[in-house]
């Protein structure tokens, strides 16, 4: 897709002027899907003619008619124009929108909005191509209501989450979070391998689950938490996540909490590049044909 054709900005008036009907949306999807040329999914032929509609491409060899919004992500009862509006709202609004808000604004069933939003959230999942570098603070926290006789890392019915935040000289960089069952060396190690460079300086509290990981991560250091004072940026991030969950979504099931973490950090990690965030998200939804309404939690 040519840079000149990419939608840029977060202004809703500008968005409405660019995408006035389904054809505008289909044309945009076509440019993304075939930005590197057409290759038939069935026979690998690279020659095509017009398909059933002006934005489809039909293979000249096997006659397979390929549509630009093909894939599970775009299989929805929502019109393509409304789908674009929902993707724009979720990606560009600072706190996103709940399925209840989407239902009210677009006059759709809440279940329909929830199902489509879940697909969007899964497209927001980290590509894992850019591990955190530099100085990284790591800690776990829990979300959910308070429970009696539960202290420390004992989570009871609450959801346990491990978080990594990139600490810079002038603030914070990127961050990632993942749901875990136990704060064990096995699960914490899997998280570090997934999101953090081996060369990074990793700083945690003195929880014993991190100690065995020093062999694999030589720059891992453990400090006293000092009631969170030694991890100020990380704990501010935790409070922001909890506030967002309470204020926008009220309740997140264990099955889908990872999807909400994906959504939060997709926006957070692009807060300095909001100009192209809508295009990035639509591109992910076009390229990923494995997105469904099933939970992304293993």
Protein backbone atom coordinates (compact mmCIF):
# COMPACT_ATOMS: atom_id res chain seq x y z
CA UNK A 1 0.00 0.00 0.00
CA UNK A 2 1.44 3.36 -1.01
CA UNK A 3 2.24 5.66 1.91
CA UNK A 4 0.09 8.35 0.33
CA UNK A 5 -2.99 6.09 0.61
CA UNK A 6 -2.54 5.17 4.28
CA UNK A 7 -5.11 6.74 6.58
CA UNK A 8 -3.34 8.87 9.17
CA UNK A 9 -4.65 10.57 12.27
CA UNK A 10 -7.20 10.14 15.05
CA UNK A 11 -9.69 12.80 13.94
CA UNK A 12 -13.15 11.27 13.53
CA UNK A 13 -14.31 13.92 11.03
CA UNK A 14 -11.32 13.16 8.82
CA UNK A 15 -12.07 9.45 9.19
CA UNK A 16 -15.73 9.91 8.19
CA UNK A 17 -14.69 11.87 5.12
CA UNK A 18 -12.28 9.13 4.03
CA UNK A 19 -14.61 6.16 4.66
CA UNK A 20 -18.09 7.20 3.56
CA UNK A 21 -19.44 3.79 2.45
CA UNK A 22 -18.61 0.08 2.13
CA UNK A 23 -16.78 0.62 -1.17
CA UNK A 24 -14.26 2.96 0.45
CA UNK A 25 -13.53 0.30 3.06
CA UNK A 26 -13.29 -2.54 0.54
CA UNK A 27 -10.90 -0.53 -1.59
CA UNK A 28 -8.69 0.12 1.47
CA UNK A 29 -8.65 -3.57 2.38
CA UNK A 30 -7.76 -4.49 -1.21
CA UNK A 31 -4.75 -2.18 -1.20
CA UNK A 32 -3.51 -3.78 2.02
CA UNK A 33 -4.18 -7.38 1.06
CA UNK A 34 -2.46 -7.20 -2.31
CA UNK A 35 0.15 -4.54 -1.59
CA UNK A 36 2.87 -7.01 -2.65
CA UNK A 37 0.96 -8.36 -5.65
CA UNK A 38 -1.55 -11.15 -6.18
CA UNK A 39 -0.73 -14.84 -5.66
CA UNK A 40 -3.60 -17.33 -5.74
CA UNK A 41 -4.03 -19.10 -2.40
CA UNK A 42 -4.98 -22.34 -4.16
CA UNK A 43 -2.66 -22.72 -7.14
CA UNK A 44 -0.02 -19.97 -6.62
CA UNK A 45 -0.80 -18.38 -9.99
CA UNK A 46 -0.04 -14.64 -10.07
CA UNK A 47 -2.46 -13.65 -12.85
CA UNK A 48 -5.96 -12.40 -12.04
CA UNK A 49 -9.06 -10.75 -13.46
CA UNK A 50 -12.06 -9.06 -11.83
CA UNK A 51 -14.07 -11.20 -9.43
CA UNK A 52 -17.68 -11.08 -8.30
CA UNK A 53 -17.28 -7.47 -7.24
CA UNK A 54 -14.79 -4.79 -8.34
CA UNK A 55 -12.59 -5.40 -5.30
CA UNK A 56 -12.29 -9.19 -5.60
CA UNK A 57 -9.55 -10.89 -7.59
CA UNK A 58 -10.25 -14.07 -9.58
CA UNK A 59 -7.39 -16.39 -10.47
CA UNK A 60 -7.13 -16.81 -14.25
CA UNK A 61 -5.94 -20.40 -13.82
CA UNK A 62 -8.18 -22.12 -11.24
CA UNK A 63 -10.90 -19.41 -11.21
CA UNK A 64 -10.77 -19.08 -7.42
CA UNK A 65 -12.46 -15.83 -6.39
CA UNK A 66 -10.57 -14.22 -3.53
CA UNK A 67 -12.07 -11.45 -1.45
CA UNK A 68 -10.11 -8.76 0.31
CA UNK A 69 -11.71 -9.26 3.72
CA UNK A 70 -11.26 -13.03 3.60
CA UNK A 71 -10.36 -14.55 6.95
CA UNK A 72 -12.09 -15.16 10.24
CA UNK A 73 -11.48 -11.61 11.44
CA UNK A 74 -13.93 -10.06 8.97
CA UNK A 75 -16.59 -12.79 9.14
CA UNK A 76 -19.16 -10.83 11.10
CA UNK A 77 -22.77 -9.69 10.89
CA UNK A 78 -21.56 -6.10 11.06
CA UNK A 79 -21.32 -4.13 7.80
CA UNK A 80 -17.79 -3.44 6.67
CA UNK A 81 -18.31 0.31 7.16
CA UNK A 82 -19.46 -0.10 10.77
CA UNK A 83 -16.63 -2.60 11.35
CA UNK A 84 -14.15 0.05 10.21
CA UNK A 85 -15.71 2.58 12.58
CA UNK A 86 -15.40 0.13 15.50
CA UNK A 87 -11.75 -0.61 14.70
CA UNK A 88 -11.09 3.14 14.53
CA UNK A 89 -12.78 3.79 17.88
CA UNK A 90 -11.00 0.96 19.70
CA UNK A 91 -7.59 1.80 18.29
CA UNK A 92 -7.62 5.60 18.59
CA UNK A 93 -9.61 6.35 21.75
CA UNK A 94 -7.23 6.57 24.69
CA UNK A 95 -9.20 4.02 26.72
CA UNK A 96 -10.90 2.17 23.88
CA UNK A 97 -14.59 1.29 24.13
CA UNK A 98 -16.49 -1.49 25.87
CA UNK A 99 -18.87 -3.74 23.97
CA UNK A 100 -21.74 -2.02 25.82
CA UNK A 101 -20.61 1.40 24.57
CA UNK A 102 -20.19 0.06 21.04
CA UNK A 103 -23.64 -1.51 21.18
CA UNK A 104 -25.21 1.80 22.19
CA UNK A 105 -23.34 3.97 19.69
CA UNK A 106 -23.82 1.73 16.64
CA UNK A 107 -27.23 0.26 17.60
CA UNK A 108 -26.03 -3.34 17.54
CA UNK A 109 -26.50 -6.27 19.88
CA UNK A 110 -23.89 -6.24 22.64
CA UNK A 111 -23.00 -9.87 21.94
CA UNK A 112 -22.25 -9.00 18.30
CA UNK A 113 -20.02 -6.13 19.39
CA UNK A 114 -18.29 -8.28 22.00
CA UNK A 115 -17.56 -11.00 19.46
CA UNK A 116 -16.07 -8.58 16.93
CA UNK A 117 -14.13 -6.71 19.59
CA UNK A 118 -12.56 -9.98 20.71
CA UNK A 119 -11.23 -10.50 17.18
CA UNK A 120 -9.79 -6.98 17.25
CA UNK A 121 -8.13 -7.66 20.60
CA UNK A 122 -6.51 -10.81 19.28
CA UNK A 123 -5.12 -8.85 16.34
CA UNK A 124 -3.57 -6.56 18.97
CA UNK A 125 -1.48 -9.40 20.37
CA UNK A 126 2.26 -8.73 20.34
CA UNK A 127 4.15 -9.92 17.27
CA UNK A 128 7.07 -10.86 19.60
CA UNK A 129 9.46 -9.45 17.01
CA UNK A 130 10.80 -6.66 19.21
CA UNK A 131 11.91 -7.88 22.67
CA UNK A 132 12.40 -5.31 25.40
CA UNK A 133 15.94 -3.99 25.80
CA UNK A 134 17.81 -1.74 28.21
CA UNK A 135 16.61 -1.66 31.82
CA UNK A 136 13.47 -3.67 32.47
CA UNK A 137 11.47 -3.82 35.71
CA UNK A 138 9.40 -6.98 36.25
CA UNK A 139 6.78 -7.84 38.85
CA UNK A 140 3.50 -9.68 39.26
CA UNK A 141 0.13 -8.35 40.35
CA UNK A 142 -3.42 -9.61 40.72
CA UNK A 143 -6.74 -8.38 39.43
CA UNK A 144 -10.10 -9.19 40.94
CA UNK A 145 -11.92 -8.54 44.20
CA UNK A 146 -10.29 -8.92 47.62
CA UNK A 147 -10.40 -12.30 49.32
CA UNK A 148 -9.99 -13.08 53.00
CA UNK A 149 -6.90 -14.96 54.22
CA UNK A 150 -5.05 -14.41 50.93
CA UNK A 151 -1.65 -12.74 51.23
CA UNK A 152 1.45 -12.24 49.10
CA UNK A 153 1.57 -14.36 45.94
CA UNK A 154 -1.40 -16.51 46.99
CA UNK A 155 -4.01 -15.49 44.41
CA UNK A 156 -7.07 -17.56 45.27
CA UNK A 157 -9.71 -16.82 42.64
CA UNK A 158 -8.00 -13.67 41.40
CA UNK A 159 -6.07 -13.49 38.14
CA UNK A 160 -2.27 -13.42 38.42
CA UNK A 161 -0.42 -11.29 35.87
CA UNK A 162 3.29 -10.72 35.27
CA UNK A 163 4.34 -7.34 33.87
CA UNK A 164 7.56 -6.01 32.31
CA UNK A 165 8.16 -2.27 31.83
CA UNK A 166 11.04 -0.68 29.92
CA UNK A 167 12.51 2.09 32.13
CA UNK A 168 14.20 4.96 30.25
CA UNK A 169 16.15 7.99 31.42
CA UNK A 170 13.23 10.26 30.62
CA UNK A 171 10.32 8.00 31.54
CA UNK A 172 9.10 4.62 30.37
CA UNK A 173 9.15 2.84 27.02
CA UNK A 174 7.22 -0.24 26.05
CA UNK A 175 5.51 -2.75 28.33
CA UNK A 176 4.03 -6.26 28.12
CA UNK A 177 1.87 -8.29 30.47
CA UNK A 178 0.73 -11.90 30.51
CA UNK A 179 -1.60 -14.03 32.61
CA UNK A 180 0.15 -16.82 34.52
CA UNK A 181 -1.12 -19.54 36.83
CA UNK A 182 1.74 -19.51 39.34
CA UNK A 183 4.65 -17.19 40.10
CA UNK A 184 7.08 -20.07 39.63
CA UNK A 185 10.50 -19.92 38.01
CA UNK A 186 9.10 -22.01 35.16
CA UNK A 187 6.29 -19.58 34.27
CA UNK A 188 8.24 -16.42 35.03
CA UNK A 189 11.13 -17.70 32.90
CA UNK A 190 8.79 -18.40 29.98
CA UNK A 191 7.56 -14.80 30.17
CA UNK A 192 11.09 -13.35 30.24
CA UNK A 193 12.15 -15.44 27.23
CA UNK A 194 9.08 -14.35 25.30
CA UNK A 195 9.27 -10.60 25.80
CA UNK A 196 12.76 -9.58 27.00
CA UNK A 197 16.18 -9.64 25.35
CA UNK A 198 18.83 -11.79 27.04
CA UNK A 199 21.13 -8.72 27.00
CA UNK A 200 18.65 -6.54 28.91
CA UNK A 201 19.20 -5.56 32.55
CA UNK A 202 16.25 -7.14 34.36
CA UNK A 203 15.38 -5.92 37.84
CA UNK A 204 12.87 -7.76 40.05
CA UNK A 205 12.01 -7.90 43.71
CA UNK A 206 13.45 -10.68 45.89
CA UNK A 207 10.76 -13.26 45.18
CA UNK A 208 12.43 -16.69 45.07
CA UNK A 209 10.81 -17.54 41.74
CA UNK A 210 13.28 -15.23 39.96
CA UNK A 211 16.49 -16.53 41.59
CA UNK A 212 16.95 -19.66 39.39
CA UNK A 213 16.63 -17.50 36.27
CA UNK A 214 19.94 -15.70 36.89
CA UNK A 215 21.79 -18.54 35.15
CA UNK A 216 19.89 -17.89 31.92
CA UNK A 217 19.63 -14.10 32.33
CA UNK A 218 23.06 -12.98 33.65
CA UNK A 219 21.94 -9.36 33.96
CA UNK A 220 19.02 -10.18 36.25
CA UNK A 221 19.23 -8.34 39.57
CA UNK A 222 16.99 -8.55 42.62
CA UNK A 223 16.22 -5.62 44.93
CA UNK A 224 14.00 -5.08 47.93
CA UNK A 225 10.69 -3.70 46.71
CA UNK A 226 10.52 -1.21 49.61
CA UNK A 227 6.73 -1.16 49.31
CA UNK A 228 7.01 -0.46 45.59
CA UNK A 229 9.25 2.60 45.95
CA UNK A 230 12.08 0.92 44.05
CA UNK A 231 9.69 0.09 41.19
CA UNK A 232 7.76 3.34 40.93
CA UNK A 233 7.17 3.32 37.15
CA UNK A 234 6.08 -0.30 37.18
CA UNK A 235 3.56 0.19 39.99
CA UNK A 236 2.10 3.28 38.31
CA UNK A 237 1.58 1.10 35.23
CA UNK A 238 -0.13 -1.56 37.34
CA UNK A 239 -2.49 1.01 38.87
CA UNK A 240 -3.32 2.34 35.40
CA UNK A 241 -4.18 -1.13 34.12
CA UNK A 242 -6.40 -1.86 37.11
CA UNK A 243 -8.11 1.52 36.81
CA UNK A 244 -8.75 0.93 33.10
CA UNK A 245 -10.24 -2.50 33.71
CA UNK A 246 -12.50 -1.22 36.49
CA UNK A 247 -13.55 1.93 34.65
CA UNK A 248 -14.18 0.56 31.16
CA UNK A 249 -14.80 -3.15 31.41
CA UNK A 250 -15.84 -3.68 35.05
CA UNK A 251 -15.34 -7.45 34.87
CA UNK A 252 -13.00 -9.59 32.78
CA UNK A 253 -13.23 -13.37 32.93
CA UNK A 254 -10.07 -15.38 33.40
CA UNK A 255 -10.64 -16.82 29.94
CA UNK A 256 -10.36 -13.42 28.25
CA UNK A 257 -8.19 -11.28 30.55
CA UNK A 258 -5.21 -11.78 28.21
CA UNK A 259 -7.20 -10.27 25.35
CA UNK A 260 -7.77 -7.11 27.39
CA UNK A 261 -4.07 -6.95 28.28
CA UNK A 262 -3.26 -7.24 24.57
CA UNK A 263 -5.60 -4.34 23.81
CA UNK A 264 -4.17 -2.13 26.55
CA UNK A 265 -0.56 -2.62 25.53
CA UNK A 266 -1.20 -2.38 21.80
CA UNK A 267 -2.33 1.22 22.35
CA UNK A 268 0.18 1.93 25.12
CA UNK A 269 3.17 0.82 23.08
CA UNK A 270 2.05 3.02 20.16
CA UNK A 271 1.13 6.11 22.15
CA UNK A 272 3.84 8.05 20.28
CA UNK A 273 2.67 6.74 16.90
CA UNK A 274 -1.09 7.20 17.09
CA UNK A 275 -1.05 8.73 13.62
CA UNK A 276 -0.82 5.28 11.99
CA UNK A 277 -2.31 3.02 14.67
CA UNK A 278 -5.57 2.45 12.77
CA UNK A 279 -3.72 1.37 9.63
CA UNK A 280 -1.46 -0.97 11.64
CA UNK A 281 -4.45 -2.65 13.23
CA UNK A 282 -6.42 -3.05 9.99
CA UNK A 283 -3.32 -4.51 8.33
CA UNK A 284 -2.98 -7.07 11.11
CA UNK A 285 -6.63 -8.02 10.74
CA UNK A 286 -6.21 -8.49 6.99
CA UNK A 287 -2.99 -10.49 7.20
CA UNK A 288 -4.02 -12.77 10.08
CA UNK A 289 -6.62 -15.27 8.89
CA UNK A 290 -6.51 -17.37 12.09
CA UNK A 291 -8.26 -14.91 14.37
CA UNK A 292 -11.47 -16.23 15.92
CA UNK A 293 -13.72 -15.68 18.90
CA UNK A 294 -11.96 -18.36 20.91
CA UNK A 295 -9.83 -17.24 23.81
CA UNK A 296 -6.15 -16.55 23.20
CA UNK A 297 -5.30 -17.95 26.63
CA UNK A 298 -3.62 -21.34 26.47
